[in-house]
PDB file of N, CA and C in Angstrom:
ATOM      1  N   UNK A   1      -3.105  18.940  -0.909  1.00  0.00           N
ATOM      2  CA  UNK A   1      -2.812  17.521  -1.081  1.00  0.00           C
ATOM      3  C   UNK A   1      -1.535  17.287  -1.877  1.00  0.00           C
ATOM      4  N   UNK A   2      -1.186  18.213  -2.756  1.00  0.00           N
ATOM      5  CA  UNK A   2      -0.074  17.965  -3.664  1.00  0.00           C
ATOM      6  C   UNK A   2       1.281  17.918  -2.961  1.00  0.00           C
ATOM      7  N   UNK A   3       1.382  18.447  -1.746  1.00  0.00           N
ATOM      8  CA  UNK A   3       2.664  18.413  -1.050  1.00  0.00           C
ATOM      9  C   UNK A   3       2.823  17.141  -0.219  1.00  0.00           C
ATOM     10  N   UNK A   4       1.882  16.231  -0.344  1.00  0.00           N
ATOM     11  CA  UNK A   4       1.949  14.989   0.429  1.00  0.00           C
ATOM     12  C   UNK A   4       3.086  14.105  -0.029  1.00  0.00           C
ATOM     13  N   UNK A   5       3.714  13.440   0.965  1.00  0.00           N
ATOM     14  CA  UNK A   5       4.774  12.486   0.666  1.00  0.00           C
ATOM     15  C   UNK A   5       4.208  11.076   0.777  1.00  0.00           C
ATOM     16  N   UNK A   6       4.366  10.320  -0.284  1.00  0.00           N
ATOM     17  CA  UNK A   6       3.861   8.956  -0.345  1.00  0.00           C
ATOM     18  C   UNK A   6       5.043   8.010  -0.506  1.00  0.00           C
ATOM     19  N   UNK A   7       5.137   7.002   0.362  1.00  0.00           N
ATOM     20  CA  UNK A   7       6.207   6.013   0.231  1.00  0.00           C
ATOM     21  C   UNK A   7       5.631   4.738  -0.373  1.00  0.00           C
ATOM     22  N   UNK A   8       6.355   4.181  -1.344  1.00  0.00           N
ATOM     23  CA  UNK A   8       5.968   2.916  -1.970  1.00  0.00           C
ATOM     24  C   UNK A   8       7.113   1.937  -1.749  1.00  0.00           C
ATOM     25  N   UNK A   9       6.810   0.842  -1.034  1.00  0.00           N
ATOM     26  CA  UNK A   9       7.816  -0.171  -0.726  1.00  0.00           C
ATOM     27  C   UNK A   9       7.441  -1.448  -1.474  1.00  0.00           C
ATOM     28  N   UNK A  10       8.268  -1.844  -2.421  1.00  0.00           N
ATOM     29  CA  UNK A  10       7.991  -3.052  -3.207  1.00  0.00           C
ATOM     30  C   UNK A  10       9.288  -3.532  -3.830  1.00  0.00           C
ATOM     31  N   UNK A  11       9.521  -4.835  -3.793  1.00  0.00           N
ATOM     32  CA  UNK A  11      10.750  -5.353  -4.391  1.00  0.00           C
ATOM     33  C   UNK A  11      10.654  -5.448  -5.913  1.00  0.00           C
ATOM     34  N   UNK A  12       9.464  -5.246  -6.466  1.00  0.00           N
ATOM     35  CA  UNK A  12       9.291  -5.249  -7.915  1.00  0.00           C
ATOM     36  C   UNK A  12       9.526  -3.856  -8.485  1.00  0.00           C
ATOM     37  N   UNK A  13      10.527  -3.758  -9.338  1.00  0.00           N
ATOM     38  CA  UNK A  13      10.848  -2.467  -9.963  1.00  0.00           C
ATOM     39  C   UNK A  13       9.654  -1.955 -10.771  1.00  0.00           C
ATOM     40  N   UNK A  14       8.949  -2.865 -11.427  1.00  0.00           N
ATOM     41  CA  UNK A  14       7.794  -2.492 -12.247  1.00  0.00           C
ATOM     42  C   UNK A  14       6.702  -1.868 -11.390  1.00  0.00           C
ATOM     43  N   UNK A  15       6.393  -2.501 -10.272  1.00  0.00           N
ATOM     44  CA  UNK A  15       5.348  -1.981  -9.376  1.00  0.00           C
ATOM     45  C   UNK A  15       5.766  -0.620  -8.814  1.00  0.00           C
ATOM     46  N   UNK A  16       7.017  -0.518  -8.353  1.00  0.00           N
ATOM     47  CA  UNK A  16       7.496   0.764  -7.806  1.00  0.00           C
ATOM     48  C   UNK A  16       7.387   1.864  -8.849  1.00  0.00           C
ATOM     49  N   UNK A  17       7.852   1.579 -10.049  1.00  0.00           N
ATOM     50  CA  UNK A  17       7.855   2.593 -11.098  1.00  0.00           C
ATOM     51  C   UNK A  17       6.425   2.971 -11.505  1.00  0.00           C
ATOM     52  N   UNK A  18       5.544   1.978 -11.608  1.00  0.00           N
ATOM     53  CA  UNK A  18       4.146   2.243 -11.974  1.00  0.00           C
ATOM     54  C   UNK A  18       3.479   3.133 -10.934  1.00  0.00           C
ATOM     55  N   UNK A  19       3.597   2.755  -9.668  1.00  0.00           N
ATOM     56  CA  UNK A  19       2.982   3.536  -8.590  1.00  0.00           C
ATOM     57  C   UNK A  19       3.580   4.938  -8.546  1.00  0.00           C
ATOM     58  N   UNK A  20       4.892   5.019  -8.689  1.00  0.00           N
ATOM     59  CA  UNK A  20       5.559   6.323  -8.647  1.00  0.00           C
ATOM     60  C   UNK A  20       5.053   7.226  -9.767  1.00  0.00           C
ATOM     61  N   UNK A  21       4.967   6.689 -10.980  1.00  0.00           N
ATOM     62  CA  UNK A  21       4.498   7.478 -12.128  1.00  0.00           C
ATOM     63  C   UNK A  21       3.055   7.934 -11.937  1.00  0.00           C
ATOM     64  N   UNK A  22       2.184   7.003 -11.540  1.00  0.00           N
ATOM     65  CA  UNK A  22       0.771   7.344 -11.338  1.00  0.00           C
ATOM     66  C   UNK A  22       0.610   8.431 -10.281  1.00  0.00           C
ATOM     67  N   UNK A  23       1.320   8.297  -9.182  1.00  0.00           N
ATOM     68  CA  UNK A  23       1.169   9.241  -8.077  1.00  0.00           C
ATOM     69  C   UNK A  23       1.827  10.590  -8.366  1.00  0.00           C
ATOM     70  N   UNK A  24       2.956  10.579  -9.051  1.00  0.00           N
ATOM     71  CA  UNK A  24       3.596  11.856  -9.395  1.00  0.00           C
ATOM     72  C   UNK A  24       2.723  12.663 -10.350  1.00  0.00           C
ATOM     73  N   UNK A  25       2.041  11.978 -11.252  1.00  0.00           N
ATOM     74  CA  UNK A  25       1.130  12.675 -12.173  1.00  0.00           C
ATOM     75  C   UNK A  25       0.002  13.363 -11.418  1.00  0.00           C
ATOM     76  N   UNK A  26      -0.325  12.823 -10.248  1.00  0.00           N
ATOM     77  CA  UNK A  26      -1.374  13.418  -9.413  1.00  0.00           C
ATOM     78  C   UNK A  26      -0.814  14.513  -8.508  1.00  0.00           C
ATOM     79  N   UNK A  27       0.484  14.742  -8.580  1.00  0.00           N
ATOM     80  CA  UNK A  27       1.095  15.822  -7.816  1.00  0.00           C
ATOM     81  C   UNK A  27       1.692  15.438  -6.480  1.00  0.00           C
ATOM     82  N   UNK A  28       1.780  14.146  -6.190  1.00  0.00           N
ATOM     83  CA  UNK A  28       2.349  13.708  -4.915  1.00  0.00           C
ATOM     84  C   UNK A  28       3.861  13.570  -5.024  1.00  0.00           C
ATOM     85  N   UNK A  29       4.542  13.788  -3.913  1.00  0.00           N
ATOM     86  CA  UNK A  29       5.975  13.490  -3.839  1.00  0.00           C
ATOM     87  C   UNK A  29       6.084  12.015  -3.480  1.00  0.00           C
ATOM     88  N   UNK A  30       6.855  11.253  -4.250  1.00  0.00           N
ATOM     89  CA  UNK A  30       6.920   9.806  -4.043  1.00  0.00           C
ATOM     90  C   UNK A  30       8.331   9.387  -3.645  1.00  0.00           C
ATOM     91  N   UNK A  31       8.401   8.598  -2.578  1.00  0.00           N
ATOM     92  CA  UNK A  31       9.653   8.016  -2.115  1.00  0.00           C
ATOM     93  C   UNK A  31       9.501   6.509  -2.309  1.00  0.00           C
ATOM     94  N   UNK A  32      10.508   5.866  -2.892  1.00  0.00           N
ATOM     95  CA  UNK A  32      10.406   4.416  -3.092  1.00  0.00           C
ATOM     96  C   UNK A  32      11.493   3.694  -2.303  1.00  0.00           C
ATOM     97  N   UNK A  33      11.201   2.437  -1.993  1.00  0.00           N
ATOM     98  CA  UNK A  33      12.171   1.576  -1.312  1.00  0.00           C
ATOM     99  C   UNK A  33      11.983   0.156  -1.833  1.00  0.00           C
ATOM    100  N   UNK A  34      13.082  -0.587  -1.925  1.00  0.00           N
ATOM    101  CA  UNK A  34      13.013  -1.943  -2.478  1.00  0.00           C
ATOM    102  C   UNK A  34      12.646  -2.998  -1.440  1.00  0.00           C
ATOM    103  N   UNK A  35      12.815  -2.682  -0.161  1.00  0.00           N
ATOM    104  CA  UNK A  35      12.442  -3.642   0.884  1.00  0.00           C
ATOM    105  C   UNK A  35      12.256  -2.903   2.213  1.00  0.00           C
ATOM    106  N   UNK A  36      11.890  -3.663   3.223  1.00  0.00           N
ATOM    107  CA  UNK A  36      11.614  -3.082   4.525  1.00  0.00           C
ATOM    108  C   UNK A  36      12.804  -2.387   5.157  1.00  0.00           C
ATOM    109  N   UNK A  37      14.000  -2.962   4.988  1.00  0.00           N
ATOM    110  CA  UNK A  37      15.193  -2.341   5.577  1.00  0.00           C
ATOM    111  C   UNK A  37      15.458  -0.966   4.982  1.00  0.00           C
ATOM    112  N   UNK A  38      15.400  -0.879   3.652  1.00  0.00           N
ATOM    113  CA  UNK A  38      15.621   0.411   3.001  1.00  0.00           C
ATOM    114  C   UNK A  38      14.525   1.397   3.422  1.00  0.00           C
ATOM    115  N   UNK A  39      13.295   0.908   3.501  1.00  0.00           N
ATOM    116  CA  UNK A  39      12.167   1.767   3.875  1.00  0.00           C
ATOM    117  C   UNK A  39      12.348   2.334   5.277  1.00  0.00           C
ATOM    118  N   UNK A  40      12.749   1.496   6.221  1.00  0.00           N
ATOM    119  CA  UNK A  40      12.898   1.955   7.606  1.00  0.00           C
ATOM    120  C   UNK A  40      13.949   3.055   7.713  1.00  0.00           C
ATOM    121  N   UNK A  41      15.011   2.974   6.924  1.00  0.00           N
ATOM    122  CA  UNK A  41      16.019   4.035   6.980  1.00  0.00           C
ATOM    123  C   UNK A  41      15.520   5.302   6.286  1.00  0.00           C
ATOM    124  N   UNK A  42      14.714   5.148   5.245  1.00  0.00           N
ATOM    125  CA  UNK A  42      14.213   6.324   4.520  1.00  0.00           C
ATOM    126  C   UNK A  42      13.068   7.019   5.255  1.00  0.00           C
ATOM    127  N   UNK A  43      12.309   6.280   6.047  1.00  0.00           N
ATOM    128  CA  UNK A  43      11.158   6.860   6.747  1.00  0.00           C
ATOM    129  C   UNK A  43      11.595   7.988   7.677  1.00  0.00           C
ATOM    130  N   UNK A  44      12.681   7.764   8.410  1.00  0.00           N
ATOM    131  CA  UNK A  44      13.119   8.787   9.355  1.00  0.00           C
ATOM    132  C   UNK A  44      13.599  10.049   8.650  1.00  0.00           C
ATOM    133  N   UNK A  45      14.178   9.902   7.447  1.00  0.00           N
ATOM    134  CA  UNK A  45      14.639  11.074   6.694  1.00  0.00           C
ATOM    135  C   UNK A  45      13.478  11.814   6.039  1.00  0.00           C
ATOM    136  N   UNK A  46      12.530  11.053   5.466  1.00  0.00           N
ATOM    137  CA  UNK A  46      11.519  11.659   4.596  1.00  0.00           C
ATOM    138  C   UNK A  46      10.176  11.924   5.265  1.00  0.00           C
ATOM    139  N   UNK A  47       9.873  11.213   6.350  1.00  0.00           N
ATOM    140  CA  UNK A  47       8.607  11.368   7.080  1.00  0.00           C
ATOM    141  C   UNK A  47       7.389  11.355   6.146  1.00  0.00           C
ATOM    142  N   UNK A  48       7.122  10.199   5.521  1.00  0.00           N
ATOM    143  CA  UNK A  48       5.988  10.117   4.588  1.00  0.00           C
ATOM    144  C   UNK A  48       4.648  10.283   5.303  1.00  0.00           C
ATOM    145  N   UNK A  49       3.648  10.783   4.547  1.00  0.00           N
ATOM    146  CA  UNK A  49       2.303  10.962   5.091  1.00  0.00           C
ATOM    147  C   UNK A  49       1.490   9.675   5.013  1.00  0.00           C
ATOM    148  N   UNK A  50       1.841   8.792   4.079  1.00  0.00           N
ATOM    149  CA  UNK A  50       1.163   7.514   3.905  1.00  0.00           C
ATOM    150  C   UNK A  50       2.154   6.548   3.267  1.00  0.00           C
ATOM    151  N   UNK A  51       2.004   5.254   3.579  1.00  0.00           N
ATOM    152  CA  UNK A  51       2.948   4.242   3.092  1.00  0.00           C
ATOM    153  C   UNK A  51       2.181   3.086   2.449  1.00  0.00           C
ATOM    154  N   UNK A  52       2.609   2.716   1.252  1.00  0.00           N
ATOM    155  CA  UNK A  52       2.095   1.523   0.575  1.00  0.00           C
ATOM    156  C   UNK A  52       3.184   0.457   0.665  1.00  0.00           C
ATOM    157  N   UNK A  53       2.825  -0.728   1.190  1.00  0.00           N
ATOM    158  CA  UNK A  53       3.819  -1.791   1.389  1.00  0.00           C
ATOM    159  C   UNK A  53       3.377  -3.080   0.715  1.00  0.00           C
ATOM    160  N   UNK A  54       4.281  -3.633  -0.101  1.00  0.00           N
ATOM    161  CA  UNK A  54       4.090  -4.960  -0.671  1.00  0.00           C
ATOM    162  C   UNK A  54       4.256  -5.973   0.456  1.00  0.00           C
ATOM    163  N   UNK A  55       3.511  -7.062   0.402  1.00  0.00           N
ATOM    164  CA  UNK A  55       3.627  -8.071   1.451  1.00  0.00           C
ATOM    165  C   UNK A  55       4.825  -8.987   1.220  1.00  0.00           C
ATOM    166  N   UNK A  56       4.931  -9.523   0.010  1.00  0.00           N
ATOM    167  CA  UNK A  56       5.969 -10.509  -0.282  1.00  0.00           C
ATOM    168  C   UNK A  56       7.267  -9.820  -0.713  1.00  0.00           C
ATOM    169  N   UNK A  57       8.200  -9.685   0.236  1.00  0.00           N
ATOM    170  CA  UNK A  57       9.504  -9.087  -0.056  1.00  0.00           C
ATOM    171  C   UNK A  57      10.582  -9.907   0.652  1.00  0.00           C
ATOM    172  N   UNK A  58      11.797  -9.897   0.101  1.00  0.00           N
ATOM    173  CA  UNK A  58      12.895 -10.611   0.771  1.00  0.00           C
ATOM    174  C   UNK A  58      13.339  -9.882   2.036  1.00  0.00           C
ATOM    175  N   UNK A  59      14.041 -10.579   2.874  1.00  0.00           N
ATOM    176  CA  UNK A  59      14.616 -10.054   4.121  1.00  0.00           C
ATOM    177  C   UNK A  59      13.580  -9.643   5.149  1.00  0.00           C
ATOM    178  N   UNK A  60      12.828  -8.609   4.892  1.00  0.00           N
ATOM    179  CA  UNK A  60      11.831  -8.107   5.834  1.00  0.00           C
ATOM    180  C   UNK A  60      10.534  -7.953   5.053  1.00  0.00           C
ATOM    181  N   UNK A  61       9.557  -8.812   5.311  1.00  0.00           N
ATOM    182  CA  UNK A  61       8.334  -8.749   4.496  1.00  0.00           C
ATOM    183  C   UNK A  61       7.428  -7.592   4.925  1.00  0.00           C
ATOM    184  N   UNK A  62       6.341  -7.424   4.190  1.00  0.00           N
ATOM    185  CA  UNK A  62       5.448  -6.302   4.441  1.00  0.00           C
ATOM    186  C   UNK A  62       4.801  -6.328   5.813  1.00  0.00           C
ATOM    187  N   UNK A  63       4.456  -7.522   6.291  1.00  0.00           N
ATOM    188  CA  UNK A  63       3.853  -7.627   7.623  1.00  0.00           C
ATOM    189  C   UNK A  63       4.842  -7.168   8.694  1.00  0.00           C
ATOM    190  N   UNK A  64       6.086  -7.650   8.590  1.00  0.00           N
ATOM    191  CA  UNK A  64       7.113  -7.279   9.572  1.00  0.00           C
ATOM    192  C   UNK A  64       7.399  -5.780   9.517  1.00  0.00           C
ATOM    193  N   UNK A  65       7.501  -5.256   8.292  1.00  0.00           N
ATOM    194  CA  UNK A  65       7.776  -3.831   8.120  1.00  0.00           C
ATOM    195  C   UNK A  65       6.647  -2.987   8.709  1.00  0.00           C
ATOM    196  N   UNK A  66       5.412  -3.378   8.411  1.00  0.00           N
ATOM    197  CA  UNK A  66       4.242  -2.667   8.937  1.00  0.00           C
ATOM    198  C   UNK A  66       4.249  -2.684  10.462  1.00  0.00           C
ATOM    199  N   UNK A  67       4.493  -3.842  11.050  1.00  0.00           N
ATOM    200  CA  UNK A  67       4.499  -3.964  12.512  1.00  0.00           C
ATOM    201  C   UNK A  67       5.571  -3.073  13.135  1.00  0.00           C
ATOM    202  N   UNK A  68       6.763  -3.028  12.522  1.00  0.00           N
ATOM    203  CA  UNK A  68       7.841  -2.187  13.052  1.00  0.00           C
ATOM    204  C   UNK A  68       7.466  -0.714  12.984  1.00  0.00           C
ATOM    205  N   UNK A  69       6.855  -0.288  11.889  1.00  0.00           N
ATOM    206  CA  UNK A  69       6.453   1.111  11.746  1.00  0.00           C
ATOM    207  C   UNK A  69       5.359   1.458  12.761  1.00  0.00           C
ATOM    208  N   UNK A  70       4.352   0.593  12.853  1.00  0.00           N
ATOM    209  CA  UNK A  70       3.225   0.861  13.759  1.00  0.00           C
ATOM    210  C   UNK A  70       3.630   0.791  15.238  1.00  0.00           C
ATOM    211  N   UNK A  71       4.714   0.057  15.548  1.00  0.00           N
ATOM    212  CA  UNK A  71       5.193  -0.013  16.934  1.00  0.00           C
ATOM    213  C   UNK A  71       6.096   1.156  17.297  1.00  0.00           C
ATOM    214  N   UNK A  72       6.396   1.999  16.316  1.00  0.00           N
ATOM    215  CA  UNK A  72       7.226   3.176  16.556  1.00  0.00           C
ATOM    216  C   UNK A  72       6.327   4.314  17.039  1.00  0.00           C
ATOM    217  N   UNK A  73       6.696   4.917  18.132  1.00  0.00           N
ATOM    218  CA  UNK A  73       5.893   6.015  18.695  1.00  0.00           C
ATOM    219  C   UNK A  73       5.736   7.155  17.687  1.00  0.00           C
ATOM    220  N   UNK A  74       6.800   7.435  16.945  1.00  0.00           N
ATOM    221  CA  UNK A  74       6.790   8.555  16.011  1.00  0.00           C
ATOM    222  C   UNK A  74       5.910   8.299  14.772  1.00  0.00           C
ATOM    223  N   UNK A  75       5.794   7.042  14.347  1.00  0.00           N
ATOM    224  CA  UNK A  75       5.104   6.755  13.081  1.00  0.00           C
ATOM    225  C   UNK A  75       3.865   5.877  13.223  1.00  0.00           C
ATOM    226  N   UNK A  76       3.439   5.622  14.466  1.00  0.00           N
ATOM    227  CA  UNK A  76       2.303   4.712  14.679  1.00  0.00           C
ATOM    228  C   UNK A  76       1.009   5.194  14.039  1.00  0.00           C
ATOM    229  N   UNK A  77       0.878   6.504  13.824  1.00  0.00           N
ATOM    230  CA  UNK A  77      -0.342   7.049  13.230  1.00  0.00           C
ATOM    231  C   UNK A  77      -0.247   7.230  11.713  1.00  0.00           C
ATOM    232  N   UNK A  78       0.900   6.872  11.125  1.00  0.00           N
ATOM    233  CA  UNK A  78       1.059   6.972   9.673  1.00  0.00           C
ATOM    234  C   UNK A  78       0.233   5.867   9.016  1.00  0.00           C
ATOM    235  N   UNK A  79      -0.689   6.220   8.110  1.00  0.00           N
ATOM    236  CA  UNK A  79      -1.503   5.191   7.455  1.00  0.00           C
ATOM    237  C   UNK A  79      -0.634   4.258   6.606  1.00  0.00           C
ATOM    238  N   UNK A  80      -0.925   2.962   6.702  1.00  0.00           N
ATOM    239  CA  UNK A  80      -0.207   1.962   5.914  1.00  0.00           C
ATOM    240  C   UNK A  80      -1.209   1.145   5.126  1.00  0.00           C
ATOM    241  N   UNK A  81      -0.974   1.073   3.820  1.00  0.00           N
ATOM    242  CA  UNK A  81      -1.820   0.307   2.912  1.00  0.00           C
ATOM    243  C   UNK A  81      -0.999  -0.873   2.411  1.00  0.00           C
ATOM    244  N   UNK A  82      -1.476  -2.088   2.667  1.00  0.00           N
ATOM    245  CA  UNK A  82      -0.792  -3.284   2.198  1.00  0.00           C
ATOM    246  C   UNK A  82      -1.125  -3.511   0.722  1.00  0.00           C
ATOM    247  N   UNK A  83      -0.130  -3.930  -0.046  1.00  0.00           N
ATOM    248  CA  UNK A  83      -0.318  -4.268  -1.454  1.00  0.00           C
ATOM    249  C   UNK A  83       0.028  -5.741  -1.634  1.00  0.00           C
ATOM    250  N   UNK A  84      -0.857  -6.483  -2.277  1.00  0.00           N
ATOM    251  CA  UNK A  84      -0.565  -7.901  -2.464  1.00  0.00           C
ATOM    252  C   UNK A  84      -1.275  -8.463  -3.677  1.00  0.00           C
ATOM    253  N   UNK A  85      -0.668  -9.492  -4.254  1.00  0.00           N
ATOM    254  CA  UNK A  85      -1.336 -10.201  -5.341  1.00  0.00           C
ATOM    255  C   UNK A  85      -2.276 -11.257  -4.760  1.00  0.00           C
ATOM    256  N   UNK A  86      -2.151 -11.507  -3.446  1.00  0.00           N
ATOM    257  CA  UNK A  86      -3.044 -12.459  -2.771  1.00  0.00           C
ATOM    258  C   UNK A  86      -4.272 -11.717  -2.256  1.00  0.00           C
ATOM    259  N   UNK A  87      -5.436 -12.315  -2.434  1.00  0.00           N
ATOM    260  CA  UNK A  87      -6.654 -11.663  -1.970  1.00  0.00           C
ATOM    261  C   UNK A  87      -7.395 -12.519  -0.944  1.00  0.00           C
ATOM    262  N   UNK A  88      -6.650 -13.287  -0.169  1.00  0.00           N
ATOM    263  CA  UNK A  88      -7.278 -14.192   0.783  1.00  0.00           C
ATOM    264  C   UNK A  88      -7.671 -13.525   2.080  1.00  0.00           C
ATOM    265  N   UNK A  89      -8.645 -14.106   2.733  1.00  0.00           N
ATOM    266  CA  UNK A  89      -9.123 -13.610   4.016  1.00  0.00           C
ATOM    267  C   UNK A  89      -8.005 -13.615   5.060  1.00  0.00           C
ATOM    268  N   UNK A  90      -7.195 -14.695   5.042  1.00  0.00           N
ATOM    269  CA  UNK A  90      -6.086 -14.814   5.994  1.00  0.00           C
ATOM    270  C   UNK A  90      -5.100 -13.663   5.819  1.00  0.00           C
ATOM    271  N   UNK A  91      -4.768 -13.340   4.562  1.00  0.00           N
ATOM    272  CA  UNK A  91      -3.804 -12.269   4.285  1.00  0.00           C
ATOM    273  C   UNK A  91      -4.340 -10.922   4.762  1.00  0.00           C
ATOM    274  N   UNK A  92      -5.632 -10.675   4.504  1.00  0.00           N
ATOM    275  CA  UNK A  92      -6.250  -9.418   4.951  1.00  0.00           C
ATOM    276  C   UNK A  92      -6.256  -9.333   6.479  1.00  0.00           C
ATOM    277  N   UNK A  93      -6.603 -10.445   7.127  1.00  0.00           N
ATOM    278  CA  UNK A  93      -6.650 -10.474   8.597  1.00  0.00           C
ATOM    279  C   UNK A  93      -5.264 -10.239   9.184  1.00  0.00           C
ATOM    280  N   UNK A  94      -4.257 -10.881   8.605  1.00  0.00           N
ATOM    281  CA  UNK A  94      -2.896 -10.711   9.107  1.00  0.00           C
ATOM    282  C   UNK A  94      -2.450  -9.253   8.944  1.00  0.00           C
ATOM    283  N   UNK A  95      -2.847  -8.629   7.838  1.00  0.00           N
ATOM    284  CA  UNK A  95      -2.540  -7.216   7.619  1.00  0.00           C
ATOM    285  C   UNK A  95      -3.146  -6.342   8.703  1.00  0.00           C
ATOM    286  N   UNK A  96      -4.396  -6.632   9.071  1.00  0.00           N
ATOM    287  CA  UNK A  96      -5.060  -5.856  10.131  1.00  0.00           C
ATOM    288  C   UNK A  96      -4.381  -6.073  11.480  1.00  0.00           C
ATOM    289  N   UNK A  97      -3.971  -7.313  11.731  1.00  0.00           N
ATOM    290  CA  UNK A  97      -3.332  -7.630  13.012  1.00  0.00           C
ATOM    291  C   UNK A  97      -2.054  -6.809  13.203  1.00  0.00           C
ATOM    292  N   UNK A  98      -1.263  -6.646  12.133  1.00  0.00           N
ATOM    293  CA  UNK A  98      -0.003  -5.892  12.266  1.00  0.00           C
ATOM    294  C   UNK A  98      -0.212  -4.381  12.158  1.00  0.00           C
ATOM    295  N   UNK A  99      -1.456  -3.953  11.916  1.00  0.00           N
ATOM    296  CA  UNK A  99      -1.760  -2.528  11.979  1.00  0.00           C
ATOM    297  C   UNK A  99      -2.005  -1.821  10.659  1.00  0.00           C
ATOM    298  N   UNK A 100      -2.127  -2.568   9.559  1.00  0.00           N
ATOM    299  CA  UNK A 100      -2.362  -1.871   8.284  1.00  0.00           C
ATOM    300  C   UNK A 100      -3.765  -1.263   8.286  1.00  0.00           C
ATOM    301  N   UNK A 101      -3.905  -0.171   7.569  1.00  0.00           N
ATOM    302  CA  UNK A 101      -5.184   0.534   7.520  1.00  0.00           C
ATOM    303  C   UNK A 101      -6.075   0.028   6.398  1.00  0.00           C
ATOM    304  N   UNK A 102      -5.459  -0.471   5.334  1.00  0.00           N
ATOM    305  CA  UNK A 102      -6.237  -0.997   4.207  1.00  0.00           C
ATOM    306  C   UNK A 102      -5.397  -2.011   3.457  1.00  0.00           C
ATOM    307  N   UNK A 103      -6.045  -2.752   2.572  1.00  0.00           N
ATOM    308  CA  UNK A 103      -5.397  -3.831   1.830  1.00  0.00           C
ATOM    309  C   UNK A 103      -5.838  -3.706   0.382  1.00  0.00           C
ATOM    310  N   UNK A 104      -4.907  -3.438  -0.527  1.00  0.00           N
ATOM    311  CA  UNK A 104      -5.228  -3.357  -1.953  1.00  0.00           C
ATOM    312  C   UNK A 104      -4.623  -4.547  -2.678  1.00  0.00           C
ATOM    313  N   UNK A 105      -5.376  -5.071  -3.616  1.00  0.00           N
ATOM    314  CA  UNK A 105      -4.907  -6.216  -4.389  1.00  0.00           C
ATOM    315  C   UNK A 105      -4.288  -5.733  -5.694  1.00  0.00           C
ATOM    316  N   UNK A 106      -3.145  -6.338  -6.034  1.00  0.00           N
ATOM    317  CA  UNK A 106      -2.497  -6.040  -7.319  1.00  0.00           C
ATOM    318  C   UNK A 106      -3.204  -6.819  -8.417  1.00  0.00           C
ATOM    319  N   UNK A 107      -3.308  -6.328  -9.629  1.00  0.00           N
ATOM    320  CA  UNK A 107      -2.855  -4.997 -10.022  1.00  0.00           C
ATOM    321  C   UNK A 107      -3.829  -3.940  -9.499  1.00  0.00           C
ATOM    322  N   UNK A 108      -3.285  -2.845  -9.000  1.00  0.00           N
ATOM    323  CA  UNK A 108      -4.102  -1.752  -8.481  1.00  0.00           C
ATOM    324  C   UNK A 108      -4.254  -0.690  -9.565  1.00  0.00           C
ATOM    325  N   UNK A 109      -5.250   0.141  -9.393  1.00  0.00           N
ATOM    326  CA  UNK A 109      -5.463   1.234 -10.356  1.00  0.00           C
ATOM    327  C   UNK A 109      -5.013   2.552  -9.722  1.00  0.00           C
ATOM    328  N   UNK A 110      -4.844   3.545 -10.543  1.00  0.00           N
ATOM    329  CA  UNK A 110      -4.494   4.884 -10.058  1.00  0.00           C
ATOM    330  C   UNK A 110      -5.575   5.349  -9.083  1.00  0.00           C
ATOM    331  N   UNK A 111      -6.850   5.101  -9.433  1.00  0.00           N
ATOM    332  CA  UNK A 111      -7.952   5.535  -8.572  1.00  0.00           C
ATOM    333  C   UNK A 111      -7.878   4.890  -7.194  1.00  0.00           C
ATOM    334  N   UNK A 112      -7.522   3.602  -7.143  1.00  0.00           N
ATOM    335  CA  UNK A 112      -7.423   2.926  -5.848  1.00  0.00           C
ATOM    336  C   UNK A 112      -6.340   3.569  -4.980  1.00  0.00           C
ATOM    337  N   UNK A 113      -5.192   3.874  -5.582  1.00  0.00           N
ATOM    338  CA  UNK A 113      -4.104   4.509  -4.830  1.00  0.00           C
ATOM    339  C   UNK A 113      -4.515   5.893  -4.340  1.00  0.00           C
ATOM    340  N   UNK A 114      -5.053   6.690  -5.247  1.00  0.00           N
ATOM    341  CA  UNK A 114      -5.445   8.063  -4.904  1.00  0.00           C
ATOM    342  C   UNK A 114      -6.578   8.073  -3.885  1.00  0.00           C
ATOM    343  N   UNK A 115      -7.557   7.191  -4.043  1.00  0.00           N
ATOM    344  CA  UNK A 115      -8.670   7.112  -3.076  1.00  0.00           C
ATOM    345  C   UNK A 115      -8.156   6.754  -1.678  1.00  0.00           C
ATOM    346  N   UNK A 116      -7.192   5.827  -1.612  1.00  0.00           N
ATOM    347  CA  UNK A 116      -6.625   5.447  -0.314  1.00  0.00           C
ATOM    348  C   UNK A 116      -5.946   6.652   0.335  1.00  0.00           C
ATOM    349  N   UNK A 117      -5.226   7.412  -0.472  1.00  0.00           N
ATOM    350  CA  UNK A 117      -4.547   8.602   0.068  1.00  0.00           C
ATOM    351  C   UNK A 117      -5.581   9.596   0.597  1.00  0.00           C
ATOM    352  N   UNK A 118      -6.617   9.869  -0.189  1.00  0.00           N
ATOM    353  CA  UNK A 118      -7.643  10.830   0.239  1.00  0.00           C
ATOM    354  C   UNK A 118      -8.423  10.326   1.455  1.00  0.00           C
ATOM    355  N   UNK A 119      -8.591   9.025   1.570  1.00  0.00           N
ATOM    356  CA  UNK A 119      -9.315   8.451   2.703  1.00  0.00           C
ATOM    357  C   UNK A 119      -8.523   8.552   4.003  1.00  0.00           C
ATOM    358  N   UNK A 120      -7.215   8.281   3.933  1.00  0.00           N
ATOM    359  CA  UNK A 120      -6.435   8.158   5.158  1.00  0.00           C
ATOM    360  C   UNK A 120      -5.581   9.355   5.523  1.00  0.00           C
ATOM    361  N   UNK A 121      -5.358  10.265   4.598  1.00  0.00           N
ATOM    362  CA  UNK A 121      -4.533  11.437   4.921  1.00  0.00           C
ATOM    363  C   UNK A 121      -5.430  12.655   4.969  1.00  0.00           C
ATOM    364  N   UNK A 122      -5.546  13.219   6.132  1.00  0.00           N
ATOM    365  CA  UNK A 122      -6.421  14.394   6.332  1.00  0.00           C
ATOM    366  C   UNK A 122      -5.596  15.643   6.461  1.00  0.00           C
TER     367      UNK A 122
END
């Protein structure tokens, strides 16, 4: 498990740094991106095993980014976990529609991140 590559996409520096620190302590390789555009260019270089995406981002939001990744033949099977401060039914449903595998509400815990990785990456 320790050689797994985890991508964290969030426009909040605090969230990116927190997730990166928590996951690196668990032995994961972490790739970060500030928005969907940066993430899409980094995905092809780094080939992450799982992706955590914030929903509310400028330019390309989490739903759009998730849909683009899931519509790609090469990355359609990569697990995507949506991260949001919103916990509404509509937000969860929209996440499922664009292909996300799970939806975590901020603030998230280290256990929630690690459990998602263990659940979706075999």
